[in-house]
Amino acid sequence: MNEVNFSGTIDEPCAGDGSISDCLSSLGHQGNAYDINPRVSVITNADALSIGSAENIITNPPYGPAMYPLLDHWHKITSGKIALLVKLNFLEAQSRTKYLTGDNTPIMVI
């Protein structure tokens, strides 16, 4: 089984209805959930670009051009790991090379 271990809090900056946050909470992880248009009251109404710092991030980000400013921001503010729940074809686009090489090389693709 492939597994990624996290140390510290895990934030979900594109929480939507809170499914990922609920799963993380049920596994005992602490963190915050944010969304620009939250669908449930326990999620903080905030733009993902306004988050000032995070130990770790797990999220299913929006696709398309909106994703790139978010990824740039998260790489600057995150001290731990970033886990993106994306379609496999995310790895194929040349426009995403900077998110997949150097310091940003994925440690695991599951």
PDB file of N, CA and C in Angstrom:
ATOM      1  N   MET A   1       0.844  -1.179   0.000  1.00  0.00           N
ATOM      2  CA  MET A   1       0.000   0.000   0.000  1.00  0.00           C
ATOM      3  C   MET A   1       0.890   1.244   0.000  1.00  0.00           C
ATOM      4  N   ASN A   2       0.552   2.203  -0.847  1.00  0.00           N
ATOM      5  CA  ASN A   2       1.258   3.480  -0.862  1.00  0.00           C
ATOM      6  C   ASN A   2       0.710   4.366   0.235  1.00  0.00           C
ATOM      7  N   GLU A   3       1.620   4.981   0.974  1.00  0.00           N
ATOM      8  CA  GLU A   3       1.201   5.817   2.091  1.00  0.00           C
ATOM      9  C   GLU A   3       2.159   6.983   2.241  1.00  0.00           C
ATOM     10  N   VAL A   4       1.611   8.162   2.505  1.00  0.00           N
ATOM     11  CA  VAL A   4       2.413   9.344   2.783  1.00  0.00           C
ATOM     12  C   VAL A   4       2.093   9.763   4.204  1.00  0.00           C
ATOM     13  N   ASN A   5       3.108   9.891   5.026  1.00  0.00           N
ATOM     14  CA  ASN A   5       2.918  10.307   6.411  1.00  0.00           C
ATOM     15  C   ASN A   5       3.135  11.804   6.540  1.00  0.00           C
ATOM     16  N   PHE A   6       2.329  12.429   7.363  1.00  0.00           N
ATOM     17  CA  PHE A   6       2.409  13.867   7.593  1.00  0.00           C
ATOM     18  C   PHE A   6       2.689  14.125   9.063  1.00  0.00           C
ATOM     19  N   SER A   7       3.511  15.138   9.322  1.00  0.00           N
ATOM     20  CA  SER A   7       3.785  15.584  10.671  1.00  0.00           C
ATOM     21  C   SER A   7       3.268  17.006  10.793  1.00  0.00           C
ATOM     22  N   GLY A   8       2.466  17.266  11.805  1.00  0.00           N
ATOM     23  CA  GLY A   8       1.915  18.605  11.993  1.00  0.00           C
ATOM     24  C   GLY A   8       0.508  18.732  11.439  1.00  0.00           C
ATOM     25  N   THR A   9       0.021  19.958  11.402  1.00  0.00           N
ATOM     26  CA  THR A   9      -1.345  20.205  10.933  1.00  0.00           C
ATOM     27  C   THR A   9      -1.432  20.062   9.418  1.00  0.00           C
ATOM     28  N   ILE A  10      -2.645  19.764   8.957  1.00  0.00           N
ATOM     29  CA  ILE A  10      -2.905  19.627   7.521  1.00  0.00           C
ATOM     30  C   ILE A  10      -4.086  20.530   7.181  1.00  0.00           C
ATOM     31  N   ASP A  11      -3.832  21.533   6.361  1.00  0.00           N
ATOM     32  CA  ASP A  11      -4.894  22.445   5.923  1.00  0.00           C
ATOM     33  C   ASP A  11      -5.444  22.009   4.580  1.00  0.00           C
ATOM     34  N   GLU A  12      -6.716  22.334   4.363  1.00  0.00           N
ATOM     35  CA  GLU A  12      -7.390  22.054   3.100  1.00  0.00           C
ATOM     36  C   GLU A  12      -7.908  23.381   2.562  1.00  0.00           C
ATOM     37  N   PRO A  13      -7.181  24.019   1.628  1.00  0.00           N
ATOM     38  CA  PRO A  13      -7.532  25.368   1.190  1.00  0.00           C
ATOM     39  C   PRO A  13      -8.641  25.463   0.148  1.00  0.00           C
ATOM     40  N   CYS A  14      -9.061  24.359  -0.435  1.00  0.00           N
ATOM     41  CA  CYS A  14     -10.150  24.352  -1.426  1.00  0.00           C
ATOM     42  C   CYS A  14     -11.172  23.313  -0.975  1.00  0.00           C
ATOM     43  N   ALA A  15     -11.736  23.531   0.212  1.00  0.00           N
ATOM     44  CA  ALA A  15     -12.479  22.487   0.918  1.00  0.00           C
ATOM     45  C   ALA A  15     -13.847  22.148   0.341  1.00  0.00           C
ATOM     46  N   GLY A  16     -14.484  23.068  -0.364  1.00  0.00           N
ATOM     47  CA  GLY A  16     -15.796  22.759  -0.940  1.00  0.00           C
ATOM     48  C   GLY A  16     -16.795  22.319   0.102  1.00  0.00           C
ATOM     49  N   ASP A  17     -17.189  21.042   0.049  1.00  0.00           N
ATOM     50  CA  ASP A  17     -18.178  20.527   1.006  1.00  0.00           C
ATOM     51  C   ASP A  17     -17.522  19.886   2.233  1.00  0.00           C
ATOM     52  N   GLY A  18     -16.199  19.902   2.290  1.00  0.00           N
ATOM     53  CA  GLY A  18     -15.500  19.398   3.473  1.00  0.00           C
ATOM     54  C   GLY A  18     -15.177  17.921   3.466  1.00  0.00           C
ATOM     55  N   SER A  19     -15.340  17.230   2.360  1.00  0.00           N
ATOM     56  CA  SER A  19     -15.104  15.785   2.329  1.00  0.00           C
ATOM     57  C   SER A  19     -13.689  15.403   2.725  1.00  0.00           C
ATOM     58  N   ILE A  20     -12.692  16.099   2.176  1.00  0.00           N
ATOM     59  CA  ILE A  20     -11.305  15.781   2.509  1.00  0.00           C
ATOM     60  C   ILE A  20     -11.028  16.117   3.970  1.00  0.00           C
ATOM     61  N   SER A  21     -11.482  17.281   4.411  1.00  0.00           N
ATOM     62  CA  SER A  21     -11.279  17.697   5.799  1.00  0.00           C
ATOM     63  C   SER A  21     -11.928  16.723   6.768  1.00  0.00           C
ATOM     64  N   ASP A  22     -13.123  16.262   6.441  1.00  0.00           N
ATOM     65  CA  ASP A  22     -13.806  15.284   7.288  1.00  0.00           C
ATOM     66  C   ASP A  22     -12.999  13.997   7.397  1.00  0.00           C
ATOM     67  N   CYS A  23     -12.464  13.551   6.282  1.00  0.00           N
ATOM     68  CA  CYS A  23     -11.660  12.327   6.269  1.00  0.00           C
ATOM     69  C   CYS A  23     -10.407  12.511   7.123  1.00  0.00           C
ATOM     70  N   LEU A  24      -9.719  13.651   6.946  1.00  0.00           N
ATOM     71  CA  LEU A  24      -8.514  13.915   7.735  1.00  0.00           C
ATOM     72  C   LEU A  24      -8.837  13.967   9.224  1.00  0.00           C
ATOM     73  N   SER A  25      -9.925  14.610   9.569  1.00  0.00           N
ATOM     74  CA  SER A  25     -10.341  14.716  10.968  1.00  0.00           C
ATOM     75  C   SER A  25     -10.651  13.343  11.558  1.00  0.00           C
ATOM     76  N   SER A  26     -11.324  12.512  10.770  1.00  0.00           N
ATOM     77  CA  SER A  26     -11.674  11.173  11.261  1.00  0.00           C
ATOM     78  C   SER A  26     -10.433  10.319  11.498  1.00  0.00           C
ATOM     79  N   LEU A  27      -9.328  10.674  10.845  1.00  0.00           N
ATOM     80  CA  LEU A  27      -8.063   9.958  11.040  1.00  0.00           C
ATOM     81  C   LEU A  27      -7.206  10.587  12.137  1.00  0.00           C
ATOM     82  N   GLY A  28      -7.755  11.634  12.798  1.00  0.00           N
ATOM     83  CA  GLY A  28      -7.067  12.249  13.925  1.00  0.00           C
ATOM     84  C   GLY A  28      -6.173  13.428  13.583  1.00  0.00           C
ATOM     85  N   HIS A  29      -6.201  13.892  12.341  1.00  0.00           N
ATOM     86  CA  HIS A  29      -5.370  15.025  11.943  1.00  0.00           C
ATOM     87  C   HIS A  29      -6.036  16.347  12.321  1.00  0.00           C
ATOM     88  N   GLN A  30      -5.218  17.299  12.717  1.00  0.00           N
ATOM     89  CA  GLN A  30      -5.673  18.654  13.029  1.00  0.00           C
ATOM     90  C   GLN A  30      -5.396  19.535  11.819  1.00  0.00           C
ATOM     91  N   GLY A  31      -6.208  20.568  11.632  1.00  0.00           N
ATOM     92  CA  GLY A  31      -5.966  21.503  10.543  1.00  0.00           C
ATOM     93  C   GLY A  31      -7.158  22.401  10.317  1.00  0.00           C
ATOM     94  N   ASN A  32      -7.064  23.208   9.283  1.00  0.00           N
ATOM     95  CA  ASN A  32      -8.117  24.156   8.944  1.00  0.00           C
ATOM     96  C   ASN A  32      -8.632  23.880   7.543  1.00  0.00           C
ATOM     97  N   ALA A  33      -9.895  24.204   7.341  1.00  0.00           N
ATOM     98  CA  ALA A  33     -10.512  24.058   6.027  1.00  0.00           C
ATOM     99  C   ALA A  33     -10.981  25.428   5.559  1.00  0.00           C
ATOM    100  N   TYR A  34     -10.639  25.760   4.320  1.00  0.00           N
ATOM    101  CA  TYR A  34     -10.997  27.047   3.738  1.00  0.00           C
ATOM    102  C   TYR A  34     -11.630  26.825   2.374  1.00  0.00           C
ATOM    103  N   ASP A  35     -12.485  27.751   1.974  1.00  0.00           N
ATOM    104  CA  ASP A  35     -12.994  27.743   0.614  1.00  0.00           C
ATOM    105  C   ASP A  35     -13.546  29.132   0.293  1.00  0.00           C
ATOM    106  N   ILE A  36     -13.389  29.540  -0.949  1.00  0.00           N
ATOM    107  CA  ILE A  36     -13.893  30.844  -1.367  1.00  0.00           C
ATOM    108  C   ILE A  36     -15.426  30.855  -1.396  1.00  0.00           C
ATOM    109  N   ASN A  37     -16.013  29.669  -1.490  1.00  0.00           N
ATOM    110  CA  ASN A  37     -17.465  29.516  -1.483  1.00  0.00           C
ATOM    111  C   ASN A  37     -17.821  28.257  -0.682  1.00  0.00           C
ATOM    112  N   PRO A  38     -17.641  28.307   0.653  1.00  0.00           N
ATOM    113  CA  PRO A  38     -17.865  27.094   1.454  1.00  0.00           C
ATOM    114  C   PRO A  38     -19.308  26.613   1.381  1.00  0.00           C
ATOM    115  N   ARG A  39     -19.452  25.297   1.346  1.00  0.00           N
ATOM    116  CA  ARG A  39     -20.791  24.706   1.254  1.00  0.00           C
ATOM    117  C   ARG A  39     -21.335  24.257   2.599  1.00  0.00           C
ATOM    118  N   VAL A  40     -20.485  24.313   3.635  1.00  0.00           N
ATOM    119  CA  VAL A  40     -20.922  23.981   4.991  1.00  0.00           C
ATOM    120  C   VAL A  40     -20.330  24.998   5.953  1.00  0.00           C
ATOM    121  N   SER A  41     -20.984  25.205   7.086  1.00  0.00           N
ATOM    122  CA  SER A  41     -20.619  26.288   8.006  1.00  0.00           C
ATOM    123  C   SER A  41     -19.294  26.085   8.732  1.00  0.00           C
ATOM    124  N   VAL A  42     -18.781  24.865   8.812  1.00  0.00           N
ATOM    125  CA  VAL A  42     -17.535  24.623   9.534  1.00  0.00           C
ATOM    126  C   VAL A  42     -16.292  24.978   8.712  1.00  0.00           C
ATOM    127  N   ILE A  43     -16.480  25.327   7.457  1.00  0.00           N
ATOM    128  CA  ILE A  43     -15.373  25.712   6.588  1.00  0.00           C
ATOM    129  C   ILE A  43     -15.257  27.230   6.585  1.00  0.00           C
ATOM    130  N   THR A  44     -14.046  27.741   6.790  1.00  0.00           N
ATOM    131  CA  THR A  44     -13.804  29.182   6.819  1.00  0.00           C
ATOM    132  C   THR A  44     -13.906  29.761   5.419  1.00  0.00           C
ATOM    133  N   ASN A  45     -14.669  30.832   5.300  1.00  0.00           N
ATOM    134  CA  ASN A  45     -14.811  31.519   4.022  1.00  0.00           C
ATOM    135  C   ASN A  45     -13.549  32.337   3.773  1.00  0.00           C
ATOM    136  N   ALA A  46     -12.688  31.849   2.884  1.00  0.00           N
ATOM    137  CA  ALA A  46     -11.433  32.534   2.583  1.00  0.00           C
ATOM    138  C   ALA A  46     -10.916  32.104   1.223  1.00  0.00           C
ATOM    139  N   ASP A  47     -10.304  33.033   0.538  1.00  0.00           N
ATOM    140  CA  ASP A  47      -9.623  32.741  -0.719  1.00  0.00           C
ATOM    141  C   ASP A  47      -8.344  31.971  -0.378  1.00  0.00           C
ATOM    142  N   ALA A  48      -8.050  30.930  -1.106  1.00  0.00           N
ATOM    143  CA  ALA A  48      -6.861  30.117  -0.841  1.00  0.00           C
ATOM    144  C   ALA A  48      -5.573  30.918  -0.970  1.00  0.00           C
ATOM    145  N   LEU A  49      -5.616  32.031  -1.684  1.00  0.00           N
ATOM    146  CA  LEU A  49      -4.440  32.895  -1.809  1.00  0.00           C
ATOM    147  C   LEU A  49      -4.231  33.778  -0.588  1.00  0.00           C
ATOM    148  N   SER A  50      -5.222  33.827   0.306  1.00  0.00           N
ATOM    149  CA  SER A  50      -5.102  34.673   1.498  1.00  0.00           C
ATOM    150  C   SER A  50      -4.515  33.919   2.695  1.00  0.00           C
ATOM    151  N   ILE A  51      -4.324  32.623   2.569  1.00  0.00           N
ATOM    152  CA  ILE A  51      -3.767  31.834   3.662  1.00  0.00           C
ATOM    153  C   ILE A  51      -2.302  32.230   3.838  1.00  0.00           C
ATOM    154  N   GLY A  52      -1.927  32.597   5.070  1.00  0.00           N
ATOM    155  CA  GLY A  52      -0.587  33.118   5.327  1.00  0.00           C
ATOM    156  C   GLY A  52       0.483  32.077   5.563  1.00  0.00           C
ATOM    157  N   SER A  53       0.098  30.930   6.101  1.00  0.00           N
ATOM    158  CA  SER A  53       1.078  29.866   6.344  1.00  0.00           C
ATOM    159  C   SER A  53       0.345  28.547   6.550  1.00  0.00           C
ATOM    160  N   ALA A  54       1.066  27.476   6.297  1.00  0.00           N
ATOM    161  CA  ALA A  54       0.511  26.139   6.503  1.00  0.00           C
ATOM    162  C   ALA A  54       1.667  25.179   6.718  1.00  0.00           C
ATOM    163  N   GLU A  55       1.469  24.235   7.622  1.00  0.00           N
ATOM    164  CA  GLU A  55       2.488  23.193   7.773  1.00  0.00           C
ATOM    165  C   GLU A  55       2.412  22.235   6.594  1.00  0.00           C
ATOM    166  N   ASN A  56       1.203  21.746   6.313  1.00  0.00           N
ATOM    167  CA  ASN A  56       0.969  20.817   5.211  1.00  0.00           C
ATOM    168  C   ASN A  56      -0.347  21.180   4.541  1.00  0.00           C
ATOM    169  N   ILE A  57      -0.471  20.809   3.280  1.00  0.00           N
ATOM    170  CA  ILE A  57      -1.707  21.037   2.530  1.00  0.00           C
ATOM    171  C   ILE A  57      -2.076  19.753   1.805  1.00  0.00           C
ATOM    172  N   ILE A  58      -3.343  19.396   1.903  1.00  0.00           N
ATOM    173  CA  ILE A  58      -3.931  18.354   1.069  1.00  0.00           C
ATOM    174  C   ILE A  58      -5.173  18.971   0.453  1.00  0.00           C
ATOM    175  N   THR A  59      -5.270  18.887  -0.881  1.00  0.00           N
ATOM    176  CA  THR A  59      -6.426  19.498  -1.532  1.00  0.00           C
ATOM    177  C   THR A  59      -6.642  18.946  -2.928  1.00  0.00           C
ATOM    178  N   ASN A  60      -7.828  19.147  -3.414  1.00  0.00           N
ATOM    179  CA  ASN A  60      -8.196  18.893  -4.800  1.00  0.00           C
ATOM    180  C   ASN A  60      -8.416  20.284  -5.400  1.00  0.00           C
ATOM    181  N   PRO A  61      -7.372  20.880  -5.982  1.00  0.00           N
ATOM    182  CA  PRO A  61      -7.463  22.269  -6.425  1.00  0.00           C
ATOM    183  C   PRO A  61      -8.317  22.419  -7.675  1.00  0.00           C
ATOM    184  N   PRO A  62      -8.751  23.663  -7.948  1.00  0.00           N
ATOM    185  CA  PRO A  62      -9.471  23.882  -9.200  1.00  0.00           C
ATOM    186  C   PRO A  62      -8.533  23.647 -10.385  1.00  0.00           C
ATOM    187  N   TYR A  63      -9.076  23.161 -11.476  1.00  0.00           N
ATOM    188  CA  TYR A  63      -8.274  22.899 -12.668  1.00  0.00           C
ATOM    189  C   TYR A  63      -8.242  24.140 -13.549  1.00  0.00           C
ATOM    190  N   GLY A  64      -7.305  24.158 -14.455  1.00  0.00           N
ATOM    191  CA  GLY A  64      -7.191  25.266 -15.395  1.00  0.00           C
ATOM    192  C   GLY A  64      -6.275  26.346 -14.863  1.00  0.00           C
ATOM    193  N   PRO A  65      -6.333  27.514 -15.480  1.00  0.00           N
ATOM    194  CA  PRO A  65      -5.422  28.612 -15.140  1.00  0.00           C
ATOM    195  C   PRO A  65      -5.484  29.041 -13.669  1.00  0.00           C
ATOM    196  N   ALA A  66      -6.602  28.849 -13.001  1.00  0.00           N
ATOM    197  CA  ALA A  66      -6.737  29.251 -11.594  1.00  0.00           C
ATOM    198  C   ALA A  66      -5.803  28.461 -10.695  1.00  0.00           C
ATOM    199  N   MET A  67      -5.376  27.280 -11.138  1.00  0.00           N
ATOM    200  CA  MET A  67      -4.539  26.429 -10.315  1.00  0.00           C
ATOM    201  C   MET A  67      -3.133  27.007 -10.126  1.00  0.00           C
ATOM    202  N   TYR A  68      -2.580  27.660 -11.126  1.00  0.00           N
ATOM    203  CA  TYR A  68      -1.171  28.051 -11.082  1.00  0.00           C
ATOM    204  C   TYR A  68      -0.840  29.086 -10.012  1.00  0.00           C
ATOM    205  N   PRO A  69      -1.614  30.155  -9.848  1.00  0.00           N
ATOM    206  CA  PRO A  69      -1.304  31.069  -8.742  1.00  0.00           C
ATOM    207  C   PRO A  69      -1.416  30.389  -7.382  1.00  0.00           C
ATOM    208  N   LEU A  70      -2.345  29.451  -7.254  1.00  0.00           N
ATOM    209  CA  LEU A  70      -2.505  28.723  -5.997  1.00  0.00           C
ATOM    210  C   LEU A  70      -1.264  27.889  -5.700  1.00  0.00           C
ATOM    211  N   LEU A  71      -0.797  27.131  -6.680  1.00  0.00           N
ATOM    212  CA  LEU A  71       0.385  26.298  -6.473  1.00  0.00           C
ATOM    213  C   LEU A  71       1.598  27.141  -6.125  1.00  0.00           C
ATOM    214  N   ASP A  72       1.776  28.260  -6.811  1.00  0.00           N
ATOM    215  CA  ASP A  72       2.896  29.156  -6.498  1.00  0.00           C
ATOM    216  C   ASP A  72       2.809  29.635  -5.048  1.00  0.00           C
ATOM    217  N   HIS A  73       1.615  30.044  -4.639  1.00  0.00           N
ATOM    218  CA  HIS A  73       1.408  30.548  -3.274  1.00  0.00           C
ATOM    219  C   HIS A  73       1.667  29.455  -2.241  1.00  0.00           C
ATOM    220  N   TRP A  74       1.107  28.277  -2.463  1.00  0.00           N
ATOM    221  CA  TRP A  74       1.257  27.193  -1.492  1.00  0.00           C
ATOM    222  C   TRP A  74       2.713  26.769  -1.332  1.00  0.00           C
ATOM    223  N   HIS A  75       3.481  26.773  -2.414  1.00  0.00           N
ATOM    224  CA  HIS A  75       4.900  26.429  -2.299  1.00  0.00           C
ATOM    225  C   HIS A  75       5.645  27.448  -1.437  1.00  0.00           C
ATOM    226  N   LYS A  76       5.199  28.683  -1.427  1.00  0.00           N
ATOM    227  CA  LYS A  76       5.847  29.724  -0.631  1.00  0.00           C
ATOM    228  C   LYS A  76       5.473  29.634   0.849  1.00  0.00           C
ATOM    229  N   ILE A  77       4.246  29.232   1.154  1.00  0.00           N
ATOM    230  CA  ILE A  77       3.766  29.311   2.537  1.00  0.00           C
ATOM    231  C   ILE A  77       3.811  27.990   3.302  1.00  0.00           C
ATOM    232  N   THR A  78       4.067  26.887   2.615  1.00  0.00           N
ATOM    233  CA  THR A  78       4.000  25.574   3.256  1.00  0.00           C
ATOM    234  C   THR A  78       5.379  25.115   3.708  1.00  0.00           C
ATOM    235  N   SER A  79       5.482  24.757   4.995  1.00  0.00           N
ATOM    236  CA  SER A  79       6.763  24.302   5.530  1.00  0.00           C
ATOM    237  C   SER A  79       6.935  22.787   5.410  1.00  0.00           C
ATOM    238  N   GLY A  80       5.847  22.069   5.177  1.00  0.00           N
ATOM    239  CA  GLY A  80       5.901  20.610   5.084  1.00  0.00           C
ATOM    240  C   GLY A  80       5.593  20.123   3.679  1.00  0.00           C
ATOM    241  N   LYS A  81       4.574  19.308   3.573  1.00  0.00           N
ATOM    242  CA  LYS A  81       4.233  18.659   2.310  1.00  0.00           C
ATOM    243  C   LYS A  81       2.972  19.261   1.703  1.00  0.00           C
ATOM    244  N   ILE A  82       2.887  19.136   0.386  1.00  0.00           N
ATOM    245  CA  ILE A  82       1.681  19.484  -0.353  1.00  0.00           C
ATOM    246  C   ILE A  82       1.250  18.232  -1.103  1.00  0.00           C
ATOM    247  N   ALA A  83       0.019  17.796  -0.875  1.00  0.00           N
ATOM    248  CA  ALA A  83      -0.536  16.653  -1.586  1.00  0.00           C
ATOM    249  C   ALA A  83      -1.700  17.147  -2.431  1.00  0.00           C
ATOM    250  N   LEU A  84      -1.576  16.947  -3.737  1.00  0.00           N
ATOM    251  CA  LEU A  84      -2.633  17.359  -4.656  1.00  0.00           C
ATOM    252  C   LEU A  84      -3.385  16.138  -5.142  1.00  0.00           C
ATOM    253  N   LEU A  85      -4.684  16.184  -5.028  1.00  0.00           N
ATOM    254  CA  LEU A  85      -5.527  15.117  -5.550  1.00  0.00           C
ATOM    255  C   LEU A  85      -5.986  15.587  -6.932  1.00  0.00           C
ATOM    256  N   VAL A  86      -5.242  15.155  -7.945  1.00  0.00           N
ATOM    257  CA  VAL A  86      -5.483  15.612  -9.311  1.00  0.00           C
ATOM    258  C   VAL A  86      -5.520  14.418 -10.256  1.00  0.00           C
ATOM    259  N   LYS A  87      -6.032  14.656 -11.441  1.00  0.00           N
ATOM    260  CA  LYS A  87      -6.025  13.623 -12.471  1.00  0.00           C
ATOM    261  C   LYS A  87      -4.594  13.368 -12.913  1.00  0.00           C
ATOM    262  N   LEU A  88      -4.315  12.165 -13.318  1.00  0.00           N
ATOM    263  CA  LEU A  88      -2.967  11.788 -13.722  1.00  0.00           C
ATOM    264  C   LEU A  88      -2.440  12.650 -14.866  1.00  0.00           C
ATOM    265  N   ASN A  89      -3.315  13.140 -15.730  1.00  0.00           N
ATOM    266  CA  ASN A  89      -2.828  13.951 -16.848  1.00  0.00           C
ATOM    267  C   ASN A  89      -2.248  15.288 -16.388  1.00  0.00           C
ATOM    268  N   PHE A  90      -2.364  15.620 -15.108  1.00  0.00           N
ATOM    269  CA  PHE A  90      -1.698  16.801 -14.553  1.00  0.00           C
ATOM    270  C   PHE A  90      -0.196  16.703 -14.793  1.00  0.00           C
ATOM    271  N   LEU A  91       0.342  15.487 -14.788  1.00  0.00           N
ATOM    272  CA  LEU A  91       1.772  15.282 -14.947  1.00  0.00           C
ATOM    273  C   LEU A  91       2.249  15.451 -16.390  1.00  0.00           C
ATOM    274  N   GLU A  92       1.332  15.546 -17.342  1.00  0.00           N
ATOM    275  CA  GLU A  92       1.694  15.536 -18.750  1.00  0.00           C
ATOM    276  C   GLU A  92       1.944  16.907 -19.371  1.00  0.00           C
ATOM    277  N   ALA A  93       1.323  17.943 -18.884  1.00  0.00           N
ATOM    278  CA  ALA A  93       1.387  19.247 -19.549  1.00  0.00           C
ATOM    279  C   ALA A  93       2.741  19.919 -19.351  1.00  0.00           C
ATOM    280  N   GLN A  94       3.338  20.404 -20.426  1.00  0.00           N
ATOM    281  CA  GLN A  94       4.616  21.106 -20.342  1.00  0.00           C
ATOM    282  C   GLN A  94       4.492  22.377 -19.515  1.00  0.00           C
ATOM    283  N   SER A  95       3.320  22.990 -19.499  1.00  0.00           N
ATOM    284  CA  SER A  95       3.132  24.223 -18.734  1.00  0.00           C
ATOM    285  C   SER A  95       3.255  23.988 -17.229  1.00  0.00           C
ATOM    286  N   ARG A  96       3.220  22.744 -16.806  1.00  0.00           N
ATOM    287  CA  ARG A  96       3.311  22.425 -15.379  1.00  0.00           C
ATOM    288  C   ARG A  96       4.690  21.926 -14.967  1.00  0.00           C
ATOM    289  N   THR A  97       5.649  21.961 -15.862  1.00  0.00           N
ATOM    290  CA  THR A  97       6.976  21.423 -15.593  1.00  0.00           C
ATOM    291  C   THR A  97       7.578  21.983 -14.313  1.00  0.00           C
ATOM    292  N   LYS A  98       7.426  23.288 -14.073  1.00  0.00           N
ATOM    293  CA  LYS A  98       8.049  23.870 -12.876  1.00  0.00           C
ATOM    294  C   LYS A  98       7.451  23.341 -11.584  1.00  0.00           C
ATOM    295  N   TYR A  99       6.244  22.766 -11.652  1.00  0.00           N
ATOM    296  CA  TYR A  99       5.616  22.188 -10.461  1.00  0.00           C
ATOM    297  C   TYR A  99       6.014  20.735 -10.254  1.00  0.00           C
ATOM    298  N   LEU A 100       6.798  20.189 -11.183  1.00  0.00           N
ATOM    299  CA  LEU A 100       7.108  18.766 -11.142  1.00  0.00           C
ATOM    300  C   LEU A 100       8.598  18.468 -11.194  1.00  0.00           C
ATOM    301  N   THR A 101       9.439  19.507 -11.115  1.00  0.00           N
ATOM    302  CA  THR A 101      10.881  19.320 -11.212  1.00  0.00           C
ATOM    303  C   THR A 101      11.583  20.067 -10.080  1.00  0.00           C
ATOM    304  N   GLY A 102      12.871  19.801  -9.922  1.00  0.00           N
ATOM    305  CA  GLY A 102      13.660  20.478  -8.899  1.00  0.00           C
ATOM    306  C   GLY A 102      13.112  20.211  -7.510  1.00  0.00           C
ATOM    307  N   ASP A 103      12.969  21.271  -6.719  1.00  0.00           N
ATOM    308  CA  ASP A 103      12.434  21.141  -5.354  1.00  0.00           C
ATOM    309  C   ASP A 103      10.986  20.691  -5.339  1.00  0.00           C
ATOM    310  N   ASN A 104      10.307  20.794  -6.472  1.00  0.00           N
ATOM    311  CA  ASN A 104       8.883  20.452  -6.555  1.00  0.00           C
ATOM    312  C   ASN A 104       8.645  19.037  -7.093  1.00  0.00           C
ATOM    313  N   THR A 105       9.695  18.269  -7.288  1.00  0.00           N
ATOM    314  CA  THR A 105       9.525  16.919  -7.810  1.00  0.00           C
ATOM    315  C   THR A 105       8.674  16.104  -6.841  1.00  0.00           C
ATOM    316  N   PRO A 106       7.586  15.503  -7.319  1.00  0.00           N
ATOM    317  CA  PRO A 106       6.754  14.685  -6.431  1.00  0.00           C
ATOM    318  C   PRO A 106       7.550  13.548  -5.807  1.00  0.00           C
ATOM    319  N   ILE A 107       7.319  13.326  -4.511  1.00  0.00           N
ATOM    320  CA  ILE A 107       7.996  12.206  -3.856  1.00  0.00           C
ATOM    321  C   ILE A 107       7.246  10.902  -4.108  1.00  0.00           C
ATOM    322  N   MET A 108       5.989  11.042  -4.526  1.00  0.00           N
ATOM    323  CA  MET A 108       5.194   9.847  -4.779  1.00  0.00           C
ATOM    324  C   MET A 108       4.006  10.214  -5.663  1.00  0.00           C
ATOM    325  N   VAL A 109       3.684   9.326  -6.576  1.00  0.00           N
ATOM    326  CA  VAL A 109       2.465   9.433  -7.372  1.00  0.00           C
ATOM    327  C   VAL A 109       1.661   8.188  -7.070  1.00  0.00           C
ATOM    328  N   ILE A 110       0.474   8.402  -6.546  1.00  0.00           N
ATOM    329  CA  ILE A 110      -0.361   7.250  -6.163  1.00  0.00           C
ATOM    330  C   ILE A 110      -1.550   7.182  -7.098  1.00  0.00           C
TER     331      ILE A 110
END
